[in-house]
N, C-alpha and C. Protein backbone atom coordinates (compact mmCIF):
# COMPACT_ATOMS: atom_id res chain seq x y z
N LEU A 1 84.42 -107.17 58.02
CA LEU A 1 85.25 -105.98 58.02
C LEU A 1 84.97 -105.13 56.79
N SER A 2 85.06 -103.81 56.96
CA SER A 2 84.92 -102.92 55.82
C SER A 2 86.17 -103.00 54.96
N GLU A 3 86.09 -102.49 53.72
CA GLU A 3 87.24 -102.48 52.83
C GLU A 3 88.39 -101.71 53.46
N SER A 4 88.06 -100.58 54.10
CA SER A 4 89.09 -99.77 54.75
C SER A 4 89.80 -100.55 55.84
N ASN A 5 89.03 -101.28 56.66
CA ASN A 5 89.63 -102.06 57.73
C ASN A 5 90.47 -103.21 57.20
N ARG A 6 90.01 -103.81 56.10
CA ARG A 6 90.78 -104.91 55.51
C ARG A 6 92.13 -104.42 55.01
N VAL A 7 92.13 -103.26 54.36
CA VAL A 7 93.39 -102.70 53.86
C VAL A 7 94.31 -102.36 55.02
N GLY A 8 93.74 -101.75 56.06
CA GLY A 8 94.54 -101.42 57.24
C GLY A 8 95.14 -102.65 57.89
N ASP A 9 94.36 -103.71 58.01
CA ASP A 9 94.86 -104.95 58.59
C ASP A 9 95.99 -105.54 57.74
N ALA A 10 95.84 -105.46 56.41
CA ALA A 10 96.87 -105.99 55.52
C ALA A 10 98.19 -105.25 55.70
N TYR A 11 98.12 -103.92 55.81
CA TYR A 11 99.32 -103.13 56.04
C TYR A 11 99.97 -103.50 57.37
N GLN A 12 99.15 -103.67 58.40
CA GLN A 12 99.70 -103.99 59.71
C GLN A 12 100.37 -105.37 59.71
N LYS A 13 99.77 -106.34 59.03
CA LYS A 13 100.36 -107.67 58.95
C LYS A 13 101.68 -107.63 58.17
N GLN A 14 101.69 -106.86 57.08
CA GLN A 14 102.92 -106.73 56.30
C GLN A 14 104.03 -106.09 57.14
N ARG A 15 103.66 -105.05 57.87
CA ARG A 15 104.65 -104.37 58.70
C ARG A 15 105.20 -105.31 59.77
N GLY A 16 104.30 -106.08 60.42
CA GLY A 16 104.75 -107.02 61.44
C GLY A 16 105.73 -108.03 60.89
N LEU A 17 105.44 -108.54 59.68
CA LEU A 17 106.33 -109.50 59.04
C LEU A 17 107.69 -108.88 58.75
N LEU A 18 107.67 -107.65 58.22
CA LEU A 18 108.92 -106.98 57.87
C LEU A 18 109.74 -106.61 59.10
N VAL A 19 109.06 -106.28 60.19
CA VAL A 19 109.77 -106.00 61.44
C VAL A 19 110.56 -107.23 61.87
N ASP A 20 109.91 -108.39 61.82
CA ASP A 20 110.58 -109.64 62.20
C ASP A 20 111.75 -109.94 61.26
N LEU A 21 111.54 -109.76 59.96
CA LEU A 21 112.59 -110.04 58.99
C LEU A 21 113.75 -109.07 59.15
N ALA A 22 113.43 -107.81 59.46
CA ALA A 22 114.49 -106.81 59.63
C ALA A 22 115.36 -107.11 60.83
N LYS A 23 114.79 -107.74 61.86
CA LYS A 23 115.58 -108.13 63.02
C LYS A 23 116.59 -109.20 62.63
N GLU A 24 116.18 -110.12 61.75
CA GLU A 24 117.05 -111.21 61.34
C GLU A 24 118.07 -110.76 60.30
N ASP A 25 117.65 -109.88 59.41
CA ASP A 25 118.52 -109.43 58.32
C ASP A 25 118.26 -107.96 58.04
N PRO A 26 118.77 -107.05 58.91
CA PRO A 26 118.46 -105.63 58.77
C PRO A 26 118.95 -105.02 57.46
N GLN A 27 120.07 -105.48 56.95
CA GLN A 27 120.60 -104.91 55.73
C GLN A 27 119.65 -105.13 54.55
N THR A 28 118.98 -106.26 54.53
CA THR A 28 118.09 -106.59 53.42
C THR A 28 116.71 -105.97 53.59
N PHE A 29 116.18 -106.00 54.81
CA PHE A 29 114.77 -105.68 54.99
C PHE A 29 114.48 -104.32 55.62
N HIS A 30 115.50 -103.60 56.08
CA HIS A 30 115.25 -102.30 56.70
C HIS A 30 114.59 -101.33 55.72
N ILE A 31 115.09 -101.25 54.51
CA ILE A 31 114.53 -100.33 53.50
C ILE A 31 113.10 -100.74 53.15
N GLU A 32 112.87 -102.05 53.03
CA GLU A 32 111.52 -102.51 52.72
C GLU A 32 110.55 -102.15 53.83
N LEU A 33 111.00 -102.20 55.06
CA LEU A 33 110.16 -101.83 56.20
C LEU A 33 109.82 -100.34 56.12
N LEU A 34 110.79 -99.51 55.79
CA LEU A 34 110.53 -98.07 55.65
C LEU A 34 109.52 -97.81 54.54
N ARG A 35 109.66 -98.51 53.43
CA ARG A 35 108.71 -98.35 52.32
C ARG A 35 107.30 -98.72 52.76
N SER A 36 107.19 -99.79 53.53
CA SER A 36 105.89 -100.23 54.00
C SER A 36 105.28 -99.20 54.94
N ARG A 37 106.09 -98.63 55.81
CA ARG A 37 105.59 -97.62 56.75
C ARG A 37 105.10 -96.37 56.00
N ILE A 38 105.82 -95.99 54.98
CA ILE A 38 105.40 -94.82 54.19
C ILE A 38 104.10 -95.13 53.44
N ALA A 39 104.01 -96.32 52.88
CA ALA A 39 102.80 -96.71 52.15
C ALA A 39 101.58 -96.68 53.07
N TYR A 40 101.78 -97.13 54.30
CA TYR A 40 100.67 -97.12 55.26
C TYR A 40 100.28 -95.69 55.62
N ALA A 41 101.26 -94.82 55.82
CA ALA A 41 100.97 -93.41 56.11
C ALA A 41 100.26 -92.76 54.92
N ASP A 42 100.72 -93.07 53.71
CA ASP A 42 100.08 -92.53 52.50
C ASP A 42 98.62 -92.96 52.44
N TRP A 43 98.38 -94.23 52.74
CA TRP A 43 97.01 -94.74 52.70
C TRP A 43 96.13 -94.03 53.72
N ARG A 44 96.65 -93.84 54.92
CA ARG A 44 95.90 -93.11 55.95
C ARG A 44 95.56 -91.70 55.47
N ALA A 45 96.53 -91.04 54.85
CA ALA A 45 96.30 -89.69 54.35
C ALA A 45 95.22 -89.68 53.27
N ASN A 46 95.29 -90.65 52.37
CA ASN A 46 94.30 -90.73 51.30
C ASN A 46 92.91 -91.05 51.82
N GLU A 47 92.85 -91.71 52.98
CA GLU A 47 91.57 -91.99 53.62
C GLU A 47 91.04 -90.78 54.38
N GLY A 48 91.80 -89.69 54.39
CA GLY A 48 91.39 -88.49 55.10
C GLY A 48 91.73 -88.51 56.58
N GLU A 49 92.50 -89.51 57.01
CA GLU A 49 92.88 -89.63 58.42
C GLU A 49 94.19 -88.87 58.63
N LEU A 50 94.10 -87.55 58.60
CA LEU A 50 95.30 -86.71 58.54
C LEU A 50 96.12 -86.76 59.83
N SER A 51 95.47 -86.81 60.97
CA SER A 51 96.20 -86.86 62.23
C SER A 51 97.01 -88.14 62.34
N GLN A 52 96.39 -89.26 61.96
CA GLN A 52 97.10 -90.54 62.01
C GLN A 52 98.25 -90.56 61.02
N ALA A 53 98.00 -90.02 59.82
CA ALA A 53 99.05 -89.99 58.81
C ALA A 53 100.22 -89.12 59.27
N GLU A 54 99.90 -87.96 59.84
CA GLU A 54 100.97 -87.08 60.33
C GLU A 54 101.81 -87.78 61.37
N GLN A 55 101.17 -88.47 62.29
CA GLN A 55 101.90 -89.18 63.33
C GLN A 55 102.83 -90.24 62.73
N LEU A 56 102.33 -90.98 61.75
CA LEU A 56 103.12 -92.04 61.12
C LEU A 56 104.33 -91.46 60.38
N TYR A 57 104.11 -90.38 59.63
CA TYR A 57 105.23 -89.74 58.93
C TYR A 57 106.28 -89.24 59.93
N ARG A 58 105.81 -88.58 60.98
CA ARG A 58 106.76 -88.00 61.96
C ARG A 58 107.53 -89.10 62.70
N GLU A 59 106.87 -90.20 63.00
CA GLU A 59 107.55 -91.30 63.68
C GLU A 59 108.67 -91.85 62.82
N LEU A 60 108.41 -92.01 61.52
CA LEU A 60 109.44 -92.52 60.62
C LEU A 60 110.59 -91.54 60.51
N ILE A 61 110.27 -90.26 60.33
CA ILE A 61 111.30 -89.23 60.20
C ILE A 61 112.17 -89.19 61.45
N ASP A 62 111.53 -89.22 62.62
CA ASP A 62 112.28 -89.17 63.88
C ASP A 62 113.15 -90.41 64.06
N SER A 63 112.61 -91.56 63.70
CA SER A 63 113.36 -92.81 63.90
C SER A 63 114.60 -92.89 63.01
N CYS A 64 114.59 -92.15 61.91
CA CYS A 64 115.72 -92.17 60.97
C CYS A 64 116.58 -90.91 61.06
N SER A 65 116.30 -90.06 62.03
CA SER A 65 116.96 -88.75 62.09
C SER A 65 118.47 -88.86 62.21
N LYS A 66 118.95 -89.87 62.93
CA LYS A 66 120.40 -90.03 63.09
C LYS A 66 121.02 -90.83 61.96
N SER A 67 120.43 -91.99 61.67
CA SER A 67 121.02 -92.87 60.66
C SER A 67 121.02 -92.25 59.26
N ALA A 68 119.98 -91.44 58.95
CA ALA A 68 119.88 -90.87 57.61
C ALA A 68 120.78 -89.66 57.41
N THR A 69 121.39 -89.17 58.49
CA THR A 69 122.27 -88.00 58.37
C THR A 69 123.72 -88.35 58.71
N SER A 70 124.01 -89.61 58.98
CA SER A 70 125.38 -90.01 59.29
C SER A 70 126.22 -90.03 58.02
N SER A 71 127.53 -90.03 58.20
CA SER A 71 128.43 -89.96 57.05
C SER A 71 128.33 -91.19 56.16
N ASP A 72 127.93 -92.32 56.73
CA ASP A 72 127.80 -93.55 55.94
C ASP A 72 126.34 -93.94 55.72
N ALA A 73 125.46 -92.95 55.69
CA ALA A 73 124.03 -93.21 55.54
C ALA A 73 123.73 -93.89 54.20
N ASP A 74 122.74 -94.77 54.22
CA ASP A 74 122.27 -95.46 53.02
C ASP A 74 121.48 -94.47 52.17
N PRO A 75 121.87 -94.23 50.91
CA PRO A 75 121.12 -93.31 50.06
C PRO A 75 119.64 -93.67 49.94
N GLY A 76 119.35 -94.97 49.98
CA GLY A 76 117.95 -95.39 49.92
C GLY A 76 117.17 -94.92 51.12
N GLU A 77 117.78 -94.97 52.30
CA GLU A 77 117.11 -94.48 53.51
C GLU A 77 116.95 -92.97 53.46
N ILE A 78 117.98 -92.27 53.01
CA ILE A 78 117.90 -90.81 52.89
C ILE A 78 116.75 -90.43 51.96
N SER A 79 116.64 -91.13 50.84
CA SER A 79 115.57 -90.86 49.88
C SER A 79 114.20 -91.10 50.49
N LEU A 80 114.06 -92.18 51.25
CA LEU A 80 112.76 -92.50 51.86
C LEU A 80 112.38 -91.50 52.94
N VAL A 81 113.36 -90.97 53.66
CA VAL A 81 113.05 -89.92 54.62
C VAL A 81 112.54 -88.69 53.87
N GLY A 82 113.14 -88.40 52.72
CA GLY A 82 112.63 -87.31 51.89
C GLY A 82 111.20 -87.55 51.46
N THR A 83 110.89 -88.79 51.11
CA THR A 83 109.53 -89.13 50.71
C THR A 83 108.55 -88.94 51.88
N ALA A 84 108.98 -89.34 53.08
CA ALA A 84 108.13 -89.16 54.26
C ALA A 84 107.92 -87.67 54.56
N LEU A 85 108.96 -86.87 54.41
CA LEU A 85 108.83 -85.42 54.62
C LEU A 85 107.87 -84.81 53.60
N SER A 86 107.94 -85.29 52.38
CA SER A 86 107.03 -84.79 51.35
C SER A 86 105.59 -85.19 51.66
N GLY A 87 105.41 -86.43 52.16
CA GLY A 87 104.08 -86.86 52.57
C GLY A 87 103.55 -86.03 53.71
N LEU A 88 104.43 -85.73 54.67
CA LEU A 88 104.03 -84.86 55.78
C LEU A 88 103.62 -83.49 55.26
N GLY A 89 104.35 -82.99 54.28
CA GLY A 89 104.01 -81.70 53.70
C GLY A 89 102.63 -81.69 53.08
N THR A 90 102.24 -82.79 52.43
CA THR A 90 100.91 -82.83 51.82
C THR A 90 99.81 -82.83 52.89
N VAL A 91 100.07 -83.47 54.02
CA VAL A 91 99.11 -83.46 55.12
C VAL A 91 98.96 -82.04 55.66
N LEU A 92 100.08 -81.37 55.87
CA LEU A 92 100.05 -79.99 56.37
C LEU A 92 99.38 -79.06 55.37
N LEU A 93 99.62 -79.30 54.09
CA LEU A 93 99.00 -78.50 53.04
C LEU A 93 97.49 -78.69 53.04
N ALA A 94 97.05 -79.93 53.26
CA ALA A 94 95.62 -80.22 53.30
C ALA A 94 94.94 -79.49 54.45
N ARG A 95 95.70 -79.20 55.50
CA ARG A 95 95.17 -78.46 56.64
C ARG A 95 95.35 -76.94 56.47
N ASN A 96 95.91 -76.56 55.35
CA ASN A 96 96.17 -75.15 55.06
C ASN A 96 97.25 -74.57 55.97
N GLU A 97 98.13 -75.44 56.49
CA GLU A 97 99.29 -74.99 57.26
C GLU A 97 100.44 -74.76 56.28
N LEU A 98 100.34 -73.68 55.54
CA LEU A 98 101.18 -73.48 54.37
C LEU A 98 102.66 -73.32 54.69
N GLU A 99 102.99 -72.55 55.70
CA GLU A 99 104.41 -72.33 56.01
C GLU A 99 105.06 -73.62 56.51
N ALA A 100 104.34 -74.38 57.33
CA ALA A 100 104.87 -75.66 57.81
C ALA A 100 105.02 -76.64 56.65
N ALA A 101 104.07 -76.61 55.71
CA ALA A 101 104.17 -77.47 54.53
C ALA A 101 105.38 -77.10 53.69
N ARG A 102 105.61 -75.78 53.54
CA ARG A 102 106.77 -75.34 52.77
C ARG A 102 108.06 -75.88 53.38
N GLN A 103 108.17 -75.79 54.69
CA GLN A 103 109.38 -76.27 55.37
C GLN A 103 109.56 -77.77 55.16
N ALA A 104 108.47 -78.53 55.22
CA ALA A 104 108.56 -79.98 55.02
C ALA A 104 109.03 -80.30 53.61
N PHE A 105 108.49 -79.61 52.60
CA PHE A 105 108.91 -79.86 51.22
C PHE A 105 110.36 -79.45 51.00
N GLU A 106 110.78 -78.35 51.61
CA GLU A 106 112.18 -77.93 51.47
C GLU A 106 113.12 -78.96 52.09
N GLN A 107 112.74 -79.52 53.23
CA GLN A 107 113.55 -80.56 53.85
C GLN A 107 113.56 -81.83 53.00
N ALA A 108 112.41 -82.14 52.38
CA ALA A 108 112.34 -83.30 51.49
C ALA A 108 113.31 -83.14 50.33
N ILE A 109 113.37 -81.94 49.78
CA ILE A 109 114.29 -81.67 48.68
C ILE A 109 115.74 -81.82 49.12
N GLU A 110 116.07 -81.32 50.31
CA GLU A 110 117.43 -81.45 50.83
C GLU A 110 117.83 -82.92 50.93
N ARG A 111 116.93 -83.73 51.47
CA ARG A 111 117.24 -85.16 51.63
C ARG A 111 117.37 -85.85 50.27
N GLN A 112 116.45 -85.51 49.35
CA GLN A 112 116.50 -86.17 48.05
C GLN A 112 117.74 -85.78 47.27
N GLU A 113 118.15 -84.52 47.37
CA GLU A 113 119.37 -84.08 46.69
C GLU A 113 120.59 -84.77 47.29
N ALA A 114 120.58 -85.00 48.60
CA ALA A 114 121.67 -85.72 49.25
C ALA A 114 121.74 -87.16 48.75
N ALA A 115 120.57 -87.79 48.63
CA ALA A 115 120.53 -89.17 48.11
C ALA A 115 121.04 -89.21 46.68
N LEU A 116 120.63 -88.24 45.88
CA LEU A 116 121.05 -88.21 44.47
C LEU A 116 122.54 -87.93 44.35
N ALA A 117 123.08 -87.08 45.24
CA ALA A 117 124.51 -86.80 45.21
C ALA A 117 125.33 -88.07 45.49
N ALA A 118 124.76 -88.94 46.34
CA ALA A 118 125.46 -90.19 46.68
C ALA A 118 125.30 -91.24 45.59
N ARG A 119 124.20 -91.16 44.83
CA ARG A 119 123.93 -92.14 43.78
C ARG A 119 123.44 -91.43 42.52
N HIS A 120 124.40 -90.89 41.76
CA HIS A 120 124.04 -90.16 40.54
C HIS A 120 123.32 -91.03 39.52
N ASP A 121 123.55 -92.34 39.60
CA ASP A 121 122.99 -93.25 38.61
C ASP A 121 121.53 -93.58 38.86
N GLN A 122 120.98 -93.15 39.97
CA GLN A 122 119.60 -93.50 40.33
C GLN A 122 118.62 -92.49 39.71
N MET A 123 118.13 -92.82 38.53
CA MET A 123 117.17 -91.94 37.87
C MET A 123 115.89 -91.81 38.67
N ARG A 124 115.56 -92.83 39.42
CA ARG A 124 114.33 -92.77 40.22
C ARG A 124 114.41 -91.66 41.26
N TYR A 125 115.60 -91.41 41.78
CA TYR A 125 115.76 -90.32 42.73
C TYR A 125 115.43 -88.98 42.08
N ARG A 126 115.74 -88.87 40.79
CA ARG A 126 115.41 -87.63 40.07
C ARG A 126 113.90 -87.47 39.96
N GLY A 127 113.20 -88.57 39.74
CA GLY A 127 111.75 -88.50 39.68
C GLY A 127 111.14 -88.05 40.99
N LEU A 128 111.68 -88.56 42.09
CA LEU A 128 111.18 -88.14 43.40
C LEU A 128 111.51 -86.68 43.67
N LEU A 129 112.71 -86.25 43.26
CA LEU A 129 113.09 -84.86 43.44
C LEU A 129 112.16 -83.94 42.65
N CYS A 130 111.78 -84.38 41.47
CA CYS A 130 110.83 -83.62 40.66
C CYS A 130 109.50 -83.47 41.40
N ARG A 131 109.04 -84.54 42.00
CA ARG A 131 107.78 -84.51 42.75
C ARG A 131 107.86 -83.51 43.90
N HIS A 132 108.98 -83.52 44.64
CA HIS A 132 109.12 -82.62 45.79
C HIS A 132 109.15 -81.15 45.33
N TYR A 133 109.86 -80.88 44.25
CA TYR A 133 109.90 -79.51 43.73
C TYR A 133 108.51 -79.07 43.25
N CYS A 134 107.79 -80.02 42.67
CA CYS A 134 106.44 -79.72 42.20
C CYS A 134 105.55 -79.32 43.37
N ARG A 135 105.64 -80.05 44.43
CA ARG A 135 104.81 -79.74 45.60
C ARG A 135 105.25 -78.44 46.26
N LEU A 136 106.56 -78.18 46.30
CA LEU A 136 107.04 -76.92 46.86
C LEU A 136 106.54 -75.75 46.01
N GLY A 137 106.56 -75.92 44.70
CA GLY A 137 106.05 -74.87 43.83
C GLY A 137 104.59 -74.58 44.09
N ALA A 138 103.81 -75.63 44.35
CA ALA A 138 102.38 -75.44 44.61
C ALA A 138 102.13 -74.64 45.89
N VAL A 139 102.87 -75.00 46.96
CA VAL A 139 102.63 -74.30 48.23
C VAL A 139 103.17 -72.87 48.17
N CYS A 140 104.28 -72.66 47.46
CA CYS A 140 104.81 -71.29 47.34
C CYS A 140 103.89 -70.42 46.50
N THR A 141 103.22 -71.01 45.52
CA THR A 141 102.24 -70.26 44.74
C THR A 141 101.11 -69.79 45.65
N ARG A 142 100.64 -70.69 46.52
CA ARG A 142 99.57 -70.31 47.45
C ARG A 142 100.03 -69.29 48.49
N LEU A 143 101.33 -69.33 48.82
CA LEU A 143 101.89 -68.35 49.74
C LEU A 143 102.22 -67.02 49.06
N LYS A 144 102.03 -67.00 47.74
CA LYS A 144 102.33 -65.81 46.93
C LYS A 144 103.81 -65.44 46.98
N ASP A 145 104.66 -66.46 47.15
CA ASP A 145 106.10 -66.28 47.07
C ASP A 145 106.50 -66.55 45.62
N SER A 146 106.35 -65.55 44.78
CA SER A 146 106.49 -65.74 43.34
C SER A 146 107.88 -66.22 42.94
N ALA A 147 108.91 -65.65 43.55
CA ALA A 147 110.27 -66.01 43.16
C ALA A 147 110.56 -67.48 43.48
N ARG A 148 110.20 -67.91 44.69
CA ARG A 148 110.45 -69.29 45.08
C ARG A 148 109.57 -70.25 44.29
N ALA A 149 108.35 -69.85 44.03
CA ALA A 149 107.46 -70.70 43.24
C ALA A 149 108.01 -70.87 41.83
N ARG A 150 108.43 -69.77 41.23
CA ARG A 150 108.95 -69.85 39.85
C ARG A 150 110.18 -70.75 39.78
N SER A 151 111.11 -70.58 40.73
CA SER A 151 112.32 -71.41 40.69
C SER A 151 111.99 -72.88 40.93
N SER A 152 111.01 -73.15 41.79
CA SER A 152 110.62 -74.54 42.06
C SER A 152 109.98 -75.18 40.85
N TRP A 153 109.07 -74.45 40.19
CA TRP A 153 108.42 -75.00 39.00
C TRP A 153 109.43 -75.21 37.88
N THR A 154 110.40 -74.29 37.77
CA THR A 154 111.43 -74.44 36.74
C THR A 154 112.26 -75.68 36.99
N LYS A 155 112.65 -75.90 38.26
CA LYS A 155 113.40 -77.11 38.61
C LYS A 155 112.59 -78.36 38.29
N ALA A 156 111.31 -78.36 38.69
CA ALA A 156 110.46 -79.51 38.43
C ALA A 156 110.34 -79.77 36.94
N ARG A 157 110.12 -78.72 36.17
CA ARG A 157 109.99 -78.87 34.72
C ARG A 157 111.26 -79.42 34.10
N ASP A 158 112.42 -78.87 34.51
CA ASP A 158 113.69 -79.30 33.92
C ASP A 158 113.97 -80.76 34.24
N ILE A 159 113.71 -81.17 35.49
CA ILE A 159 113.95 -82.56 35.86
C ILE A 159 112.98 -83.48 35.12
N PHE A 160 111.72 -83.05 35.01
CA PHE A 160 110.72 -83.84 34.30
C PHE A 160 111.12 -84.06 32.85
N GLN A 161 111.59 -83.00 32.21
CA GLN A 161 112.00 -83.12 30.81
C GLN A 161 113.22 -84.01 30.67
N GLU A 162 114.05 -84.03 31.70
CA GLU A 162 115.24 -84.87 31.68
C GLU A 162 114.89 -86.35 31.80
N ILE A 163 113.90 -86.67 32.61
CA ILE A 163 113.62 -88.08 32.91
C ILE A 163 112.49 -88.68 32.09
N GLU A 164 111.67 -87.85 31.44
CA GLU A 164 110.47 -88.41 30.81
C GLU A 164 110.78 -89.34 29.64
N SER A 165 111.97 -89.22 29.05
CA SER A 165 112.31 -90.08 27.92
C SER A 165 113.10 -91.31 28.33
N THR A 166 113.33 -91.49 29.63
CA THR A 166 114.11 -92.64 30.08
C THR A 166 113.37 -93.94 29.82
N SER A 167 114.15 -94.98 29.62
CA SER A 167 113.55 -96.31 29.42
C SER A 167 113.56 -97.13 30.71
N ASP A 168 114.07 -96.55 31.78
CA ASP A 168 114.12 -97.26 33.07
C ASP A 168 112.69 -97.51 33.54
N PRO A 169 112.29 -98.77 33.73
CA PRO A 169 110.89 -99.06 34.11
C PRO A 169 110.50 -98.48 35.46
N ASP A 170 111.44 -98.42 36.41
CA ASP A 170 111.12 -97.85 37.72
C ASP A 170 110.81 -96.36 37.60
N VAL A 171 111.59 -95.66 36.77
CA VAL A 171 111.36 -94.23 36.58
C VAL A 171 110.07 -94.01 35.81
N GLN A 172 109.79 -94.86 34.82
CA GLN A 172 108.53 -94.76 34.08
C GLN A 172 107.35 -94.93 35.03
N TYR A 173 107.50 -95.82 36.00
CA TYR A 173 106.46 -96.02 37.00
C TYR A 173 106.24 -94.75 37.81
N ASP A 174 107.34 -94.13 38.24
CA ASP A 174 107.23 -92.89 39.02
C ASP A 174 106.60 -91.78 38.20
N ILE A 175 106.97 -91.69 36.93
CA ILE A 175 106.38 -90.66 36.06
C ILE A 175 104.88 -90.89 35.94
N ALA A 176 104.49 -92.15 35.73
CA ALA A 176 103.06 -92.45 35.63
C ALA A 176 102.34 -92.08 36.92
N TRP A 177 102.97 -92.39 38.05
CA TRP A 177 102.38 -92.06 39.35
C TRP A 177 102.18 -90.56 39.46
N MET A 178 103.17 -89.80 39.07
CA MET A 178 103.07 -88.34 39.18
C MET A 178 101.98 -87.79 38.27
N LEU A 179 101.91 -88.31 37.06
CA LEU A 179 100.97 -87.77 36.10
C LEU A 179 99.53 -88.18 36.40
N ILE A 180 99.36 -89.38 36.93
CA ILE A 180 98.00 -89.81 37.27
C ILE A 180 97.54 -89.03 38.50
N GLY A 181 98.22 -89.24 39.64
CA GLY A 181 98.02 -88.45 40.85
C GLY A 181 96.59 -88.02 41.13
N ALA A 182 95.61 -88.83 40.81
CA ALA A 182 94.22 -88.38 40.92
C ALA A 182 93.82 -88.10 42.35
N ALA A 183 94.39 -88.84 43.30
CA ALA A 183 93.95 -88.71 44.68
C ALA A 183 94.18 -87.32 45.24
N ASP A 184 95.32 -86.73 44.93
CA ASP A 184 95.58 -85.40 45.50
C ASP A 184 95.86 -84.36 44.42
N HIS A 185 95.52 -84.70 43.17
CA HIS A 185 95.59 -83.74 42.05
C HIS A 185 97.01 -83.27 41.74
N TRP A 186 98.00 -84.14 41.96
CA TRP A 186 99.36 -83.76 41.59
C TRP A 186 99.63 -84.14 40.13
N ASP A 187 98.80 -83.62 39.23
CA ASP A 187 99.05 -83.82 37.81
C ASP A 187 100.15 -82.85 37.41
N LEU A 188 101.35 -83.40 37.21
CA LEU A 188 102.55 -82.57 37.06
C LEU A 188 102.43 -81.55 35.95
N ALA A 189 102.12 -82.00 34.74
CA ALA A 189 102.08 -81.08 33.61
C ALA A 189 101.03 -80.00 33.81
N ALA A 190 99.85 -80.40 34.31
CA ALA A 190 98.77 -79.44 34.50
C ALA A 190 99.11 -78.43 35.60
N ILE A 191 99.70 -78.90 36.69
CA ILE A 191 100.02 -78.00 37.79
C ILE A 191 101.10 -77.02 37.38
N ILE A 192 102.11 -77.50 36.66
CA ILE A 192 103.16 -76.59 36.19
C ILE A 192 102.55 -75.49 35.32
N LYS A 193 101.64 -75.87 34.42
CA LYS A 193 101.02 -74.91 33.54
C LYS A 193 100.19 -73.89 34.35
N LEU A 194 99.39 -74.38 35.28
CA LEU A 194 98.54 -73.49 36.08
C LEU A 194 99.39 -72.57 36.95
N ALA A 195 100.44 -73.13 37.56
CA ALA A 195 101.28 -72.31 38.43
C ALA A 195 102.01 -71.24 37.65
N GLN A 196 102.51 -71.59 36.47
CA GLN A 196 103.21 -70.61 35.67
C GLN A 196 102.28 -69.49 35.23
N GLU A 197 101.03 -69.87 34.92
CA GLU A 197 100.05 -68.84 34.55
C GLU A 197 99.75 -67.93 35.74
N ALA A 198 99.69 -68.52 36.95
CA ALA A 198 99.39 -67.73 38.14
C ALA A 198 100.53 -66.77 38.48
N ILE A 199 101.76 -67.21 38.20
CA ILE A 199 102.92 -66.39 38.54
C ILE A 199 103.18 -65.31 37.48
N ASP A 200 103.01 -65.69 36.22
CA ASP A 200 103.32 -64.76 35.11
C ASP A 200 102.39 -63.55 35.11
């Protein structure tokens, strides 16, 4: 098997295991299953398999459409739906479907803000919200929507400055992920600087 096939097989085996565990104990393993599904979609996208990645993101979003919007929704599930919407936005952006990408990022922000409203103590949610605003700023810059781009970059910058000094290891991990971002060039500090220069 090629390296790509081996990775794909590993994801599929992990998902199968989590599906079985979620049936036995949904409260414990449902969120882990969603994380695994997003990771697999992300991997497909990074492999350039955009159609497959889009399908995987949309399937997850659709499957959670009711539970993630109910009055007693799990903030963790709401946040993961936001992450899936943001992933979908990056796929659409890669295809130059800019308006559709903008809508996906805006929906991701709505979900992430809802998760954060339910759990103010979750600094990691702030890191994810920063990522979504960063991506929205990028697509609005390309759409030449200067006002929306400026407000998005400002939000991203303010949240980044708020969380970058945290000692929470999970948030530090997210910050590192955002700053490294080599696969799709989401270098937060560099993109904010470039976007602000393009808008100013």
